[in-house]
C-alpha atoms as a PDB file:
ATOM      1  CA  UNK A   1      -4.856   9.590   8.482  1.00  0.00           C
ATOM      2  CA  UNK A   2      -3.416  11.763  11.221  1.00  0.00           C
ATOM      3  CA  UNK A   3      -4.855   9.520  13.956  1.00  0.00           C
ATOM      4  CA  UNK A   4      -2.693   6.585  12.856  1.00  0.00           C
ATOM      5  CA  UNK A   5       0.381   6.111  15.050  1.00  0.00           C
ATOM      6  CA  UNK A   6       3.859   5.301  13.672  1.00  0.00           C
ATOM      7  CA  UNK A   7       4.404   1.553  13.540  1.00  0.00           C
ATOM      8  CA  UNK A   8       0.685   0.866  13.034  1.00  0.00           C
ATOM      9  CA  UNK A   9      -0.540  -1.596  10.449  1.00  0.00           C
ATOM     10  CA  UNK A  10      -2.789  -0.328   7.683  1.00  0.00           C
ATOM     11  CA  UNK A  11      -4.611  -2.210   4.962  1.00  0.00           C
ATOM     12  CA  UNK A  12      -4.814  -0.700   1.487  1.00  0.00           C
ATOM     13  CA  UNK A  13      -6.318  -1.606  -1.870  1.00  0.00           C
ATOM     14  CA  UNK A  14      -5.268  -0.482  -5.345  1.00  0.00           C
ATOM     15  CA  UNK A  15      -6.822   2.904  -6.190  1.00  0.00           C
ATOM     16  CA  UNK A  16      -8.824   3.993  -9.232  1.00  0.00           C
ATOM     17  CA  UNK A  17     -10.154   0.522 -10.084  1.00  0.00           C
ATOM     18  CA  UNK A  18      -6.746  -1.102 -10.504  1.00  0.00           C
ATOM     19  CA  UNK A  19      -6.192  -4.712  -9.448  1.00  0.00           C
ATOM     20  CA  UNK A  20      -3.263  -7.095  -9.620  1.00  0.00           C
ATOM     21  CA  UNK A  21      -2.924 -10.815 -10.288  1.00  0.00           C
ATOM     22  CA  UNK A  22       0.199 -11.547  -8.245  1.00  0.00           C
ATOM     23  CA  UNK A  23       2.502 -10.253  -5.516  1.00  0.00           C
ATOM     24  CA  UNK A  24       5.166  -9.137  -7.996  1.00  0.00           C
ATOM     25  CA  UNK A  25       2.710  -6.746  -9.699  1.00  0.00           C
ATOM     26  CA  UNK A  26       1.582  -5.366  -6.318  1.00  0.00           C
ATOM     27  CA  UNK A  27       5.129  -4.759  -5.114  1.00  0.00           C
ATOM     28  CA  UNK A  28       6.127  -3.088  -8.395  1.00  0.00           C
ATOM     29  CA  UNK A  29       3.111  -0.750  -8.232  1.00  0.00           C
ATOM     30  CA  UNK A  30       3.733   0.070  -4.565  1.00  0.00           C
ATOM     31  CA  UNK A  31       7.457   0.722  -5.066  1.00  0.00           C
ATOM     32  CA  UNK A  32       6.784   2.951  -8.083  1.00  0.00           C
ATOM     33  CA  UNK A  33       4.686   5.271  -5.933  1.00  0.00           C
ATOM     34  CA  UNK A  34       1.224   4.582  -7.329  1.00  0.00           C
ATOM     35  CA  UNK A  35      -1.735   5.559  -5.163  1.00  0.00           C
ATOM     36  CA  UNK A  36      -3.529   3.030  -2.999  1.00  0.00           C
ATOM     37  CA  UNK A  37      -6.602   3.583  -0.865  1.00  0.00           C
ATOM     38  CA  UNK A  38      -6.600   2.920   2.883  1.00  0.00           C
ATOM     39  CA  UNK A  39      -9.560   0.657   3.659  1.00  0.00           C
ATOM     40  CA  UNK A  40     -10.636   2.180   6.980  1.00  0.00           C
ATOM     41  CA  UNK A  41     -10.583   5.869   6.015  1.00  0.00           C
ATOM     42  CA  UNK A  42     -10.748   5.634   2.202  1.00  0.00           C
ATOM     43  CA  UNK A  43      -7.922   8.177   2.000  1.00  0.00           C
ATOM     44  CA  UNK A  44      -5.235   7.792  -0.645  1.00  0.00           C
ATOM     45  CA  UNK A  45      -1.684   6.852   0.264  1.00  0.00           C
ATOM     46  CA  UNK A  46       1.498   5.810  -1.502  1.00  0.00           C
ATOM     47  CA  UNK A  47       4.817   4.368  -0.414  1.00  0.00           C
ATOM     48  CA  UNK A  48       6.259   7.826   0.291  1.00  0.00           C
ATOM     49  CA  UNK A  49       3.566   8.802   2.796  1.00  0.00           C
ATOM     50  CA  UNK A  50       3.525   5.361   4.400  1.00  0.00           C
ATOM     51  CA  UNK A  51       7.292   5.437   4.912  1.00  0.00           C
ATOM     52  CA  UNK A  52       7.270   9.009   6.258  1.00  0.00           C
ATOM     53  CA  UNK A  53       4.559   8.036   8.739  1.00  0.00           C
ATOM     54  CA  UNK A  54       6.372   4.818   9.733  1.00  0.00           C
ATOM     55  CA  UNK A  55       3.424   2.620   8.766  1.00  0.00           C
ATOM     56  CA  UNK A  56       3.455  -1.099   8.126  1.00  0.00           C
ATOM     57  CA  UNK A  57       1.300  -1.816   5.104  1.00  0.00           C
ATOM     58  CA  UNK A  58      -0.564  -4.779   3.665  1.00  0.00           C
ATOM     59  CA  UNK A  59      -2.251  -4.722   0.270  1.00  0.00           C
ATOM     60  CA  UNK A  60      -5.396  -6.615  -0.694  1.00  0.00           C
ATOM     61  CA  UNK A  61      -5.392  -7.619  -4.356  1.00  0.00           C
ATOM     62  CA  UNK A  62      -6.802 -10.204  -6.802  1.00  0.00           C
ATOM     63  CA  UNK A  63     -10.392  -9.027  -6.274  1.00  0.00           C
ATOM     64  CA  UNK A  64      -9.566  -8.473  -2.569  1.00  0.00           C
ATOM     65  CA  UNK A  65      -9.015 -12.203  -2.028  1.00  0.00           C
ATOM     66  CA  UNK A  66      -5.240 -12.158  -1.457  1.00  0.00           C
ATOM     67  CA  UNK A  67      -2.974 -10.145   0.834  1.00  0.00           C
ATOM     68  CA  UNK A  68       0.703  -9.196   0.667  1.00  0.00           C
ATOM     69  CA  UNK A  69       2.871  -7.305   3.165  1.00  0.00           C
ATOM     70  CA  UNK A  70       4.645  -4.441   1.381  1.00  0.00           C
ATOM     71  CA  UNK A  71       6.218  -2.937   4.500  1.00  0.00           C
ATOM     72  CA  UNK A  72       9.751  -3.838   3.420  1.00  0.00           C
ATOM     73  CA  UNK A  73       9.347  -2.844  -0.236  1.00  0.00           C
ATOM     74  CA  UNK A  74      11.562   0.078  -1.165  1.00  0.00           C
ATOM     75  CA  UNK A  75      11.431   2.634  -3.934  1.00  0.00           C
ATOM     76  CA  UNK A  76      13.709   1.985  -6.902  1.00  0.00           C
ATOM     77  CA  UNK A  77      17.043   3.763  -6.892  1.00  0.00           C
ATOM     78  CA  UNK A  78      17.158   6.605  -9.455  1.00  0.00           C
END
């Protein structure tokens, strides 16, 4: 993913066969740091890497039929 510039949009899907029914589930999974897979490169990424790289991220879910922007989702406070 090194060729992706900060501020770029990426599209990801849940990794390891996971899927979600609604935006709330997607945002909870993303904020908890679960792995997602970038659709163009098939590399794995989570909220930590996306934030460090300054990426804007959308997630495809519900059998890839729906999309949600998770760019403003934050990690829970410990």
